[in-house]
N, C-alpha and C. Protein backbone atom coordinates (compact mmCIF):
# COMPACT_ATOMS: atom_id res chain seq x y z
N UNK A 1 73.76 4.35 -2.43
CA UNK A 1 73.31 3.06 -1.99
C UNK A 1 74.48 2.18 -1.65
N UNK A 2 75.56 2.25 -2.46
CA UNK A 2 76.83 1.58 -2.25
C UNK A 2 77.40 1.86 -0.88
N UNK A 3 77.46 3.16 -0.49
CA UNK A 3 77.94 3.60 0.75
C UNK A 3 77.20 3.07 2.06
N UNK A 4 75.82 2.94 1.74
CA UNK A 4 75.02 2.34 2.81
C UNK A 4 75.34 0.94 3.04
N UNK A 5 75.59 0.14 2.00
CA UNK A 5 75.96 -1.25 2.15
C UNK A 5 77.41 -1.45 2.74
N UNK A 6 78.25 -0.37 2.41
CA UNK A 6 79.78 -0.44 3.00
C UNK A 6 79.64 -0.17 4.45
N UNK A 7 78.84 0.72 4.86
CA UNK A 7 78.77 1.16 6.29
C UNK A 7 77.97 0.25 7.18
N UNK A 8 76.89 -0.24 6.60
CA UNK A 8 75.96 -1.13 7.40
C UNK A 8 75.83 -2.53 6.76
N UNK A 9 75.55 -3.41 7.64
CA UNK A 9 75.35 -4.77 7.12
C UNK A 9 73.83 -4.95 6.81
N UNK A 10 73.52 -6.12 6.15
CA UNK A 10 72.07 -6.32 5.80
C UNK A 10 71.33 -6.46 7.08
N UNK A 11 71.89 -7.10 8.04
CA UNK A 11 71.11 -7.35 9.34
C UNK A 11 70.79 -5.99 9.95
N UNK A 12 71.80 -5.08 9.92
CA UNK A 12 71.55 -3.72 10.56
C UNK A 12 70.49 -2.95 9.85
N UNK A 13 70.51 -3.07 8.44
CA UNK A 13 69.44 -2.36 7.69
C UNK A 13 68.18 -2.93 8.02
N UNK A 14 68.01 -4.27 8.09
CA UNK A 14 66.76 -4.96 8.35
C UNK A 14 66.21 -4.55 9.78
N UNK A 15 67.15 -4.51 10.72
CA UNK A 15 66.73 -4.16 12.04
C UNK A 15 66.25 -2.63 12.04
N UNK A 16 66.93 -1.83 11.32
CA UNK A 16 66.51 -0.39 11.27
C UNK A 16 65.19 -0.28 10.56
N UNK A 17 64.89 -0.99 9.54
CA UNK A 17 63.58 -0.92 8.82
C UNK A 17 62.43 -1.50 9.74
N UNK A 18 62.73 -2.52 10.52
CA UNK A 18 61.84 -3.21 11.43
C UNK A 18 61.56 -2.16 12.53
N UNK A 19 62.57 -1.39 12.98
CA UNK A 19 62.30 -0.41 14.07
C UNK A 19 61.46 0.79 13.59
N UNK A 20 61.65 1.14 12.27
CA UNK A 20 60.81 2.21 11.74
C UNK A 20 59.45 1.69 11.56
N UNK A 21 59.18 0.46 11.17
CA UNK A 21 57.79 -0.05 10.97
C UNK A 21 57.10 -0.14 12.35
N UNK A 22 57.92 -0.61 13.41
CA UNK A 22 57.28 -0.61 14.83
C UNK A 22 57.03 0.76 15.21
N UNK A 23 57.81 1.71 14.90
CA UNK A 23 57.55 3.10 15.36
C UNK A 23 56.26 3.71 14.68
N UNK A 24 56.07 3.36 13.41
CA UNK A 24 54.87 3.75 12.69
C UNK A 24 53.67 3.09 13.35
N UNK A 25 53.76 1.84 13.59
CA UNK A 25 52.68 1.08 14.20
C UNK A 25 52.34 1.65 15.57
N UNK A 26 53.35 2.03 16.32
CA UNK A 26 53.12 2.54 17.67
C UNK A 26 52.48 3.98 17.57
N UNK A 27 52.93 4.71 16.65
CA UNK A 27 52.36 6.01 16.42
C UNK A 27 50.85 5.86 16.01
N UNK A 28 50.54 4.99 15.09
CA UNK A 28 49.18 4.79 14.67
C UNK A 28 48.30 4.29 15.86
N UNK A 29 48.70 3.38 16.68
CA UNK A 29 48.07 2.88 17.84
C UNK A 29 47.85 3.98 18.86
N UNK A 30 48.89 4.77 19.00
CA UNK A 30 48.70 5.92 19.92
C UNK A 30 47.70 6.90 19.41
N UNK A 31 47.71 7.08 18.22
CA UNK A 31 46.70 7.99 17.54
C UNK A 31 45.28 7.51 17.74
N UNK A 32 45.03 6.19 17.56
CA UNK A 32 43.73 5.61 17.83
C UNK A 32 43.31 5.67 19.24
N UNK A 33 44.32 5.47 20.10
CA UNK A 33 44.12 5.51 21.56
C UNK A 33 43.62 7.04 21.96
N UNK A 34 44.45 7.91 21.47
CA UNK A 34 44.22 9.30 21.76
C UNK A 34 42.84 9.85 21.30
N UNK A 35 42.51 9.31 20.13
CA UNK A 35 41.28 9.73 19.48
C UNK A 35 40.05 9.16 20.36
N UNK A 36 40.22 7.92 20.65
CA UNK A 36 39.19 7.30 21.55
C UNK A 36 39.11 7.92 22.90
N UNK A 37 40.25 8.29 23.51
CA UNK A 37 40.24 8.91 24.81
C UNK A 37 39.57 10.23 24.72
N UNK A 38 39.90 11.05 23.68
CA UNK A 38 39.34 12.36 23.50
C UNK A 38 37.87 12.27 23.29
N UNK A 39 37.31 11.33 22.59
CA UNK A 39 35.95 11.11 22.33
C UNK A 39 35.21 10.84 23.67
N UNK A 40 35.91 10.01 24.44
CA UNK A 40 35.35 9.59 25.79
C UNK A 40 35.42 10.78 26.69
N UNK A 41 36.37 11.61 26.73
CA UNK A 41 36.48 12.69 27.65
C UNK A 41 35.64 13.82 27.16
N UNK A 42 35.55 14.18 25.97
CA UNK A 42 34.85 15.33 25.49
C UNK A 42 33.66 15.11 24.63
N UNK A 43 33.35 13.81 24.46
CA UNK A 43 32.12 13.45 23.73
C UNK A 43 32.10 13.91 22.34
N UNK A 44 33.20 14.21 21.86
CA UNK A 44 33.27 14.60 20.36
C UNK A 44 33.41 13.35 19.56
N UNK A 45 32.57 13.44 18.38
CA UNK A 45 32.69 12.18 17.59
C UNK A 45 32.80 12.76 16.10
N UNK A 46 33.32 11.99 15.31
CA UNK A 46 33.55 12.34 14.03
C UNK A 46 32.28 12.32 13.21
N UNK A 47 31.95 13.40 12.50
CA UNK A 47 30.61 13.50 11.73
C UNK A 47 30.32 12.29 10.88
N UNK A 48 31.35 11.68 10.21
CA UNK A 48 31.20 10.57 9.40
C UNK A 48 30.71 9.34 10.18
N UNK A 49 31.32 9.26 11.43
CA UNK A 49 30.87 8.13 12.27
C UNK A 49 29.45 8.32 12.73
N UNK A 50 29.08 9.60 13.01
CA UNK A 50 27.63 9.90 13.39
C UNK A 50 26.75 9.42 12.28
N UNK A 51 27.10 9.82 11.11
CA UNK A 51 26.22 9.43 9.94
C UNK A 51 26.18 7.81 9.75
N UNK A 52 27.26 7.20 9.97
CA UNK A 52 27.27 5.76 9.84
C UNK A 52 26.47 5.09 10.95
N UNK A 53 26.61 5.61 12.13
CA UNK A 53 25.67 5.07 13.19
C UNK A 53 24.25 5.28 12.95
N UNK A 54 23.86 6.48 12.37
CA UNK A 54 22.48 6.74 12.09
C UNK A 54 22.03 5.85 10.90
N UNK A 55 22.79 5.65 9.90
CA UNK A 55 22.42 4.78 8.86
C UNK A 55 22.14 3.41 9.39
N UNK A 56 23.06 2.86 10.13
CA UNK A 56 22.91 1.55 10.76
C UNK A 56 21.58 1.49 11.55
N UNK A 57 21.27 2.44 12.42
CA UNK A 57 19.95 2.55 13.09
C UNK A 57 18.86 2.47 12.10
N UNK A 58 18.94 3.21 11.05
CA UNK A 58 17.86 3.23 10.03
C UNK A 58 17.68 1.83 9.37
N UNK A 59 18.78 1.14 9.10
CA UNK A 59 18.66 -0.22 8.59
C UNK A 59 18.00 -1.12 9.50
N UNK A 60 18.38 -0.98 10.76
CA UNK A 60 17.55 -1.85 11.87
C UNK A 60 16.23 -1.52 11.90
N UNK A 61 15.81 -0.31 11.85
CA UNK A 61 14.43 0.09 11.88
C UNK A 61 13.70 -0.43 10.66
N UNK A 62 14.33 -0.43 9.55
CA UNK A 62 13.82 -0.90 8.29
C UNK A 62 13.49 -2.41 8.38
N UNK A 63 14.56 -3.10 8.85
CA UNK A 63 14.30 -4.52 9.07
C UNK A 63 13.20 -4.99 10.03
N UNK A 64 13.08 -4.22 11.08
CA UNK A 64 11.86 -4.45 11.96
C UNK A 64 10.53 -4.14 11.20
N UNK A 65 10.56 -3.04 10.40
CA UNK A 65 9.34 -2.67 9.70
C UNK A 65 9.00 -3.74 8.63
N UNK A 66 9.95 -4.20 8.07
CA UNK A 66 9.79 -5.31 6.97
C UNK A 66 9.19 -6.54 7.64
N UNK A 67 9.71 -6.88 8.84
CA UNK A 67 9.23 -8.12 9.48
C UNK A 67 7.78 -7.87 9.88
N UNK A 68 7.41 -6.62 10.36
CA UNK A 68 6.03 -6.32 10.86
C UNK A 68 5.12 -6.29 9.58
N UNK A 69 5.67 -5.71 8.42
CA UNK A 69 4.80 -5.69 7.23
C UNK A 69 4.51 -7.14 6.64
N UNK A 70 5.47 -8.01 6.90
CA UNK A 70 5.28 -9.36 6.52
C UNK A 70 4.23 -10.07 7.32
N UNK A 71 4.14 -9.80 8.60
CA UNK A 71 3.10 -10.24 9.48
C UNK A 71 1.73 -9.74 9.06
N UNK A 72 1.71 -8.44 8.78
CA UNK A 72 0.50 -7.87 8.37
C UNK A 72 -0.02 -8.37 7.05
N UNK A 73 0.94 -8.59 6.17
CA UNK A 73 0.44 -9.13 4.87
C UNK A 73 -0.02 -10.66 5.07
N UNK A 74 0.51 -11.37 5.88
CA UNK A 74 0.08 -12.73 6.21
C UNK A 74 -1.34 -12.66 6.78
N UNK A 75 -1.46 -11.80 7.74
CA UNK A 75 -2.82 -11.67 8.44
C UNK A 75 -3.86 -11.18 7.41
N UNK A 76 -3.48 -10.35 6.52
CA UNK A 76 -4.48 -9.80 5.60
C UNK A 76 -4.84 -10.85 4.54
N UNK A 77 -3.89 -11.71 4.23
CA UNK A 77 -4.21 -12.85 3.33
C UNK A 77 -5.22 -13.83 3.98
N UNK A 78 -4.99 -13.99 5.31
CA UNK A 78 -5.95 -14.91 6.04
C UNK A 78 -7.23 -14.19 6.15
N UNK A 79 -7.42 -12.96 6.19
CA UNK A 79 -8.73 -12.29 6.31
C UNK A 79 -9.39 -12.41 4.98
N UNK A 80 -8.59 -12.16 3.91
CA UNK A 80 -9.20 -12.25 2.56
C UNK A 80 -9.74 -13.68 2.33
N UNK A 81 -8.96 -14.65 2.71
CA UNK A 81 -9.45 -16.06 2.44
C UNK A 81 -10.60 -16.37 3.27
N UNK A 82 -10.68 -15.85 4.50
CA UNK A 82 -11.82 -16.11 5.29
C UNK A 82 -13.08 -15.41 4.64
N UNK A 83 -12.82 -14.16 4.24
CA UNK A 83 -13.94 -13.39 3.62
C UNK A 83 -14.46 -14.14 2.38
N UNK A 84 -13.56 -14.60 1.58
CA UNK A 84 -14.02 -15.38 0.31
C UNK A 84 -14.75 -16.57 0.75
N UNK A 85 -14.27 -17.29 1.75
CA UNK A 85 -15.08 -18.52 2.20
C UNK A 85 -16.50 -18.11 2.75
N UNK A 86 -16.60 -17.03 3.49
CA UNK A 86 -17.91 -16.57 3.97
C UNK A 86 -18.76 -16.11 2.85
N UNK A 87 -18.34 -15.46 1.87
CA UNK A 87 -19.12 -14.98 0.76
C UNK A 87 -19.60 -16.18 -0.03
N UNK A 88 -18.67 -17.09 -0.30
CA UNK A 88 -19.02 -18.27 -1.08
C UNK A 88 -20.07 -19.08 -0.37
N UNK A 89 -19.95 -19.30 0.93
CA UNK A 89 -20.89 -19.93 1.77
C UNK A 89 -22.30 -19.27 1.77
N UNK A 90 -22.26 -17.98 1.82
CA UNK A 90 -23.49 -17.24 1.81
C UNK A 90 -24.26 -17.36 0.49
N UNK A 91 -23.40 -17.22 -0.60
CA UNK A 91 -24.01 -17.36 -1.97
C UNK A 91 -24.56 -18.71 -2.26
N UNK A 92 -23.84 -19.74 -1.72
CA UNK A 92 -24.37 -21.14 -1.89
C UNK A 92 -25.71 -21.31 -1.11
N UNK A 93 -25.73 -20.73 0.02
CA UNK A 93 -26.98 -20.70 0.83
C UNK A 93 -28.12 -20.04 0.04
N UNK A 94 -27.85 -18.85 -0.43
CA UNK A 94 -28.87 -18.16 -1.15
C UNK A 94 -29.31 -18.80 -2.41
N UNK A 95 -28.32 -19.45 -3.09
CA UNK A 95 -28.63 -20.25 -4.34
C UNK A 95 -29.58 -21.45 -4.05
N UNK A 96 -29.20 -22.16 -3.03
CA UNK A 96 -30.12 -23.31 -2.63
C UNK A 96 -31.44 -22.80 -2.23
N UNK A 97 -31.56 -21.72 -1.56
CA UNK A 97 -32.85 -21.26 -1.10
C UNK A 97 -33.70 -20.93 -2.30
N UNK A 98 -33.13 -20.01 -3.15
CA UNK A 98 -33.92 -19.57 -4.33
C UNK A 98 -34.11 -20.52 -5.31
N UNK A 99 -33.12 -21.31 -5.63
CA UNK A 99 -33.19 -22.30 -6.72
C UNK A 99 -34.07 -23.59 -6.37
N UNK A 100 -33.90 -24.01 -5.22
CA UNK A 100 -34.61 -25.25 -4.77
C UNK A 100 -35.82 -25.19 -3.94
N UNK A 101 -35.91 -24.03 -3.19
CA UNK A 101 -37.02 -23.87 -2.39
C UNK A 101 -38.08 -22.97 -2.99
N UNK A 102 -37.68 -21.67 -3.30
CA UNK A 102 -38.57 -20.65 -3.90
C UNK A 102 -38.72 -20.89 -5.35
N UNK A 103 -37.78 -21.31 -6.04
CA UNK A 103 -37.73 -21.59 -7.49
C UNK A 103 -38.00 -20.23 -8.32
N UNK A 104 -37.62 -19.05 -7.69
CA UNK A 104 -37.69 -17.69 -8.31
C UNK A 104 -36.99 -16.82 -7.39
N UNK A 105 -36.76 -15.63 -7.97
CA UNK A 105 -35.88 -14.67 -7.15
C UNK A 105 -36.47 -13.26 -7.40
N UNK A 106 -36.46 -12.44 -6.24
CA UNK A 106 -36.91 -10.99 -6.44
C UNK A 106 -35.67 -10.28 -6.80
N UNK A 107 -35.91 -9.10 -7.48
CA UNK A 107 -34.78 -8.20 -7.92
C UNK A 107 -33.90 -7.74 -6.80
N UNK A 108 -34.39 -7.35 -5.71
CA UNK A 108 -33.59 -6.91 -4.59
C UNK A 108 -32.63 -7.98 -4.10
N UNK A 109 -33.16 -9.19 -4.02
CA UNK A 109 -32.23 -10.26 -3.46
C UNK A 109 -31.14 -10.51 -4.57
N UNK A 110 -31.58 -10.62 -5.83
CA UNK A 110 -30.58 -10.81 -6.91
C UNK A 110 -29.51 -9.76 -6.84
N UNK A 111 -29.93 -8.50 -6.65
CA UNK A 111 -28.95 -7.37 -6.75
C UNK A 111 -27.99 -7.55 -5.51
N UNK A 112 -28.52 -7.89 -4.36
CA UNK A 112 -27.69 -8.07 -3.13
C UNK A 112 -26.77 -9.11 -3.38
N UNK A 113 -27.11 -10.32 -3.89
CA UNK A 113 -26.22 -11.41 -4.14
C UNK A 113 -25.19 -11.03 -5.16
N UNK A 114 -25.55 -10.27 -6.17
CA UNK A 114 -24.52 -9.85 -7.20
C UNK A 114 -23.56 -8.90 -6.60
N UNK A 115 -23.81 -8.02 -5.66
CA UNK A 115 -22.94 -7.20 -4.97
C UNK A 115 -21.92 -7.99 -4.25
N UNK A 116 -22.40 -9.05 -3.52
CA UNK A 116 -21.48 -9.91 -2.87
C UNK A 116 -20.59 -10.71 -3.67
N UNK A 117 -21.23 -11.12 -4.89
CA UNK A 117 -20.43 -11.81 -5.85
C UNK A 117 -19.28 -10.92 -6.49
N UNK A 118 -19.49 -9.67 -6.71
CA UNK A 118 -18.49 -8.81 -7.12
C UNK A 118 -17.37 -8.75 -6.16
N UNK A 119 -17.66 -8.66 -4.88
CA UNK A 119 -16.52 -8.66 -3.96
C UNK A 119 -15.74 -9.95 -3.95
N UNK A 120 -16.58 -11.04 -4.13
CA UNK A 120 -15.92 -12.40 -4.21
C UNK A 120 -14.89 -12.44 -5.36
N UNK A 121 -15.30 -11.92 -6.51
CA UNK A 121 -14.52 -11.97 -7.68
C UNK A 121 -13.24 -11.03 -7.45
N UNK A 122 -13.44 -9.87 -6.71
CA UNK A 122 -12.29 -8.99 -6.52
C UNK A 122 -11.30 -9.52 -5.56
N UNK A 123 -11.75 -10.49 -4.72
CA UNK A 123 -10.86 -11.28 -3.89
C UNK A 123 -10.40 -12.57 -4.43
N UNK A 124 -10.46 -12.70 -5.78
CA UNK A 124 -9.98 -13.84 -6.57
C UNK A 124 -10.72 -15.11 -6.21
N UNK A 125 -11.93 -15.03 -6.10
CA UNK A 125 -12.85 -16.30 -5.93
C UNK A 125 -12.77 -17.14 -7.11
N UNK A 126 -13.16 -18.41 -6.98
CA UNK A 126 -13.08 -19.36 -8.01
C UNK A 126 -14.38 -19.36 -8.86
N UNK A 127 -14.41 -20.12 -9.90
CA UNK A 127 -15.55 -20.16 -10.86
C UNK A 127 -16.73 -21.03 -10.39
N UNK A 128 -16.67 -21.75 -9.25
CA UNK A 128 -17.68 -22.49 -8.81
C UNK A 128 -18.96 -21.52 -8.56
N UNK A 129 -18.68 -20.41 -7.92
CA UNK A 129 -19.73 -19.44 -7.52
C UNK A 129 -20.30 -18.79 -8.89
N UNK A 130 -19.43 -18.64 -9.89
CA UNK A 130 -19.93 -18.09 -11.13
C UNK A 130 -21.09 -18.98 -11.68
N UNK A 131 -20.90 -20.20 -11.64
CA UNK A 131 -21.98 -21.09 -12.07
C UNK A 131 -23.16 -20.91 -11.26
N UNK A 132 -23.16 -20.76 -10.06
CA UNK A 132 -24.28 -20.63 -9.22
C UNK A 132 -24.96 -19.32 -9.55
N UNK A 133 -24.19 -18.21 -9.87
CA UNK A 133 -24.76 -16.97 -10.17
C UNK A 133 -25.53 -17.04 -11.46
N UNK A 134 -25.02 -17.80 -12.42
CA UNK A 134 -25.73 -17.83 -13.68
C UNK A 134 -27.05 -18.63 -13.41
N UNK A 135 -27.13 -19.59 -12.61
CA UNK A 135 -28.34 -20.20 -12.28
C UNK A 135 -29.30 -19.27 -11.50
N UNK A 136 -28.79 -18.38 -10.68
CA UNK A 136 -29.73 -17.44 -9.95
C UNK A 136 -30.22 -16.44 -10.98
N UNK A 137 -29.41 -16.01 -11.90
CA UNK A 137 -29.79 -15.00 -12.86
C UNK A 137 -30.87 -15.53 -13.74
N UNK A 138 -30.83 -16.94 -14.05
CA UNK A 138 -31.76 -17.55 -14.98
C UNK A 138 -33.09 -17.78 -14.29
N UNK A 139 -33.22 -17.71 -13.02
CA UNK A 139 -34.52 -17.84 -12.27
C UNK A 139 -35.59 -16.88 -12.70
N UNK A 140 -36.85 -17.34 -12.72
CA UNK A 140 -37.87 -16.33 -12.95
C UNK A 140 -37.80 -15.25 -11.95
N UNK A 141 -38.12 -14.02 -12.39
CA UNK A 141 -38.01 -12.81 -11.43
C UNK A 141 -39.51 -12.58 -10.91
N UNK A 142 -39.51 -12.21 -9.65
CA UNK A 142 -40.89 -11.96 -9.01
C UNK A 142 -40.70 -10.66 -8.37
N UNK A 143 -41.82 -9.97 -8.00
CA UNK A 143 -41.75 -8.73 -7.31
C UNK A 143 -41.49 -9.07 -5.82
N UNK A 144 -40.95 -8.10 -5.08
CA UNK A 144 -40.66 -8.31 -3.70
C UNK A 144 -41.83 -8.79 -2.85
N UNK A 145 -43.02 -8.32 -3.08
CA UNK A 145 -44.16 -8.72 -2.33
C UNK A 145 -44.53 -10.09 -2.61
N UNK A 146 -44.27 -10.54 -3.85
CA UNK A 146 -44.75 -11.90 -4.12
C UNK A 146 -43.84 -13.01 -3.60
N UNK A 147 -42.63 -12.55 -3.22
CA UNK A 147 -41.68 -13.57 -2.68
C UNK A 147 -42.15 -14.09 -1.29
N UNK A 148 -42.74 -13.26 -0.51
CA UNK A 148 -43.27 -13.67 0.87
C UNK A 148 -44.37 -14.66 0.56
N UNK A 149 -45.25 -14.42 -0.35
CA UNK A 149 -46.39 -15.30 -0.74
C UNK A 149 -45.83 -16.66 -1.20
N UNK A 150 -44.80 -16.60 -2.10
CA UNK A 150 -44.18 -17.79 -2.61
C UNK A 150 -43.58 -18.60 -1.51
N UNK A 151 -42.96 -17.93 -0.54
CA UNK A 151 -42.25 -18.58 0.52
C UNK A 151 -43.29 -19.30 1.43
N UNK A 152 -44.40 -18.57 1.70
CA UNK A 152 -45.47 -19.03 2.55
C UNK A 152 -46.04 -20.35 1.84
N UNK A 153 -46.26 -20.25 0.57
CA UNK A 153 -46.82 -21.50 -0.16
C UNK A 153 -45.84 -22.61 -0.08
N UNK A 154 -44.52 -22.35 -0.19
CA UNK A 154 -43.54 -23.41 -0.18
C UNK A 154 -43.52 -24.06 1.35
N UNK A 155 -43.67 -23.27 2.35
CA UNK A 155 -43.67 -23.78 3.71
C UNK A 155 -44.92 -24.51 3.92
N UNK A 156 -46.05 -24.10 3.43
CA UNK A 156 -47.26 -24.88 3.47
C UNK A 156 -47.17 -26.26 2.76
N UNK A 157 -46.51 -26.34 1.66
CA UNK A 157 -46.29 -27.53 0.99
C UNK A 157 -45.44 -28.51 1.80
N UNK A 158 -44.46 -27.88 2.48
CA UNK A 158 -43.51 -28.65 3.35
C UNK A 158 -44.35 -29.33 4.56
N UNK A 159 -45.22 -28.51 5.10
CA UNK A 159 -46.06 -28.98 6.20
C UNK A 159 -46.92 -30.11 5.76
N UNK A 160 -47.50 -30.08 4.57
CA UNK A 160 -48.32 -31.04 3.99
C UNK A 160 -47.47 -32.38 3.80
N UNK A 161 -46.35 -32.21 3.37
CA UNK A 161 -45.40 -33.45 3.10
C UNK A 161 -45.21 -34.01 4.47
N UNK A 162 -44.85 -33.22 5.52
CA UNK A 162 -44.53 -33.77 6.77
C UNK A 162 -45.67 -34.45 7.45
N UNK A 163 -46.88 -34.10 7.32
CA UNK A 163 -48.07 -34.60 7.79
C UNK A 163 -48.48 -35.89 7.26
N UNK A 164 -47.98 -36.18 6.02
CA UNK A 164 -48.36 -37.48 5.35
C UNK A 164 -47.56 -38.57 5.93
């Protein structure tokens, strides 16, 4: 090391080190250029780069699918909310009909309303309809044939009231 400092100055040593660093940098740049040129000419690609490209493509596909799934979930929530509202409206209508007009209910109608009510509960419906269902279940039960007669009597009573 002492002979090196005797034969060369610090400036010369620094210039030599810088020249070596530039040479390595040039070799590395040439290597990258040659690799890119060979890929372009012969279409050869590093297997690791192929895998990386495929992984990136899969990530993009997954992002698109996630966005589509979010749209589907939003649409499904709207459909469920709409269905809940339709069922609630239907049950309220049936409740008013049987509780205020007929004042009784046949078994078939009650069973149909209960089936709709089960769907309503599965769709996280609220307790308002539960109270209506309790009132419907508490009504006197009549046979299916008698409901037509009861309905006709109710309609005749309405006509009498309208004529007065």
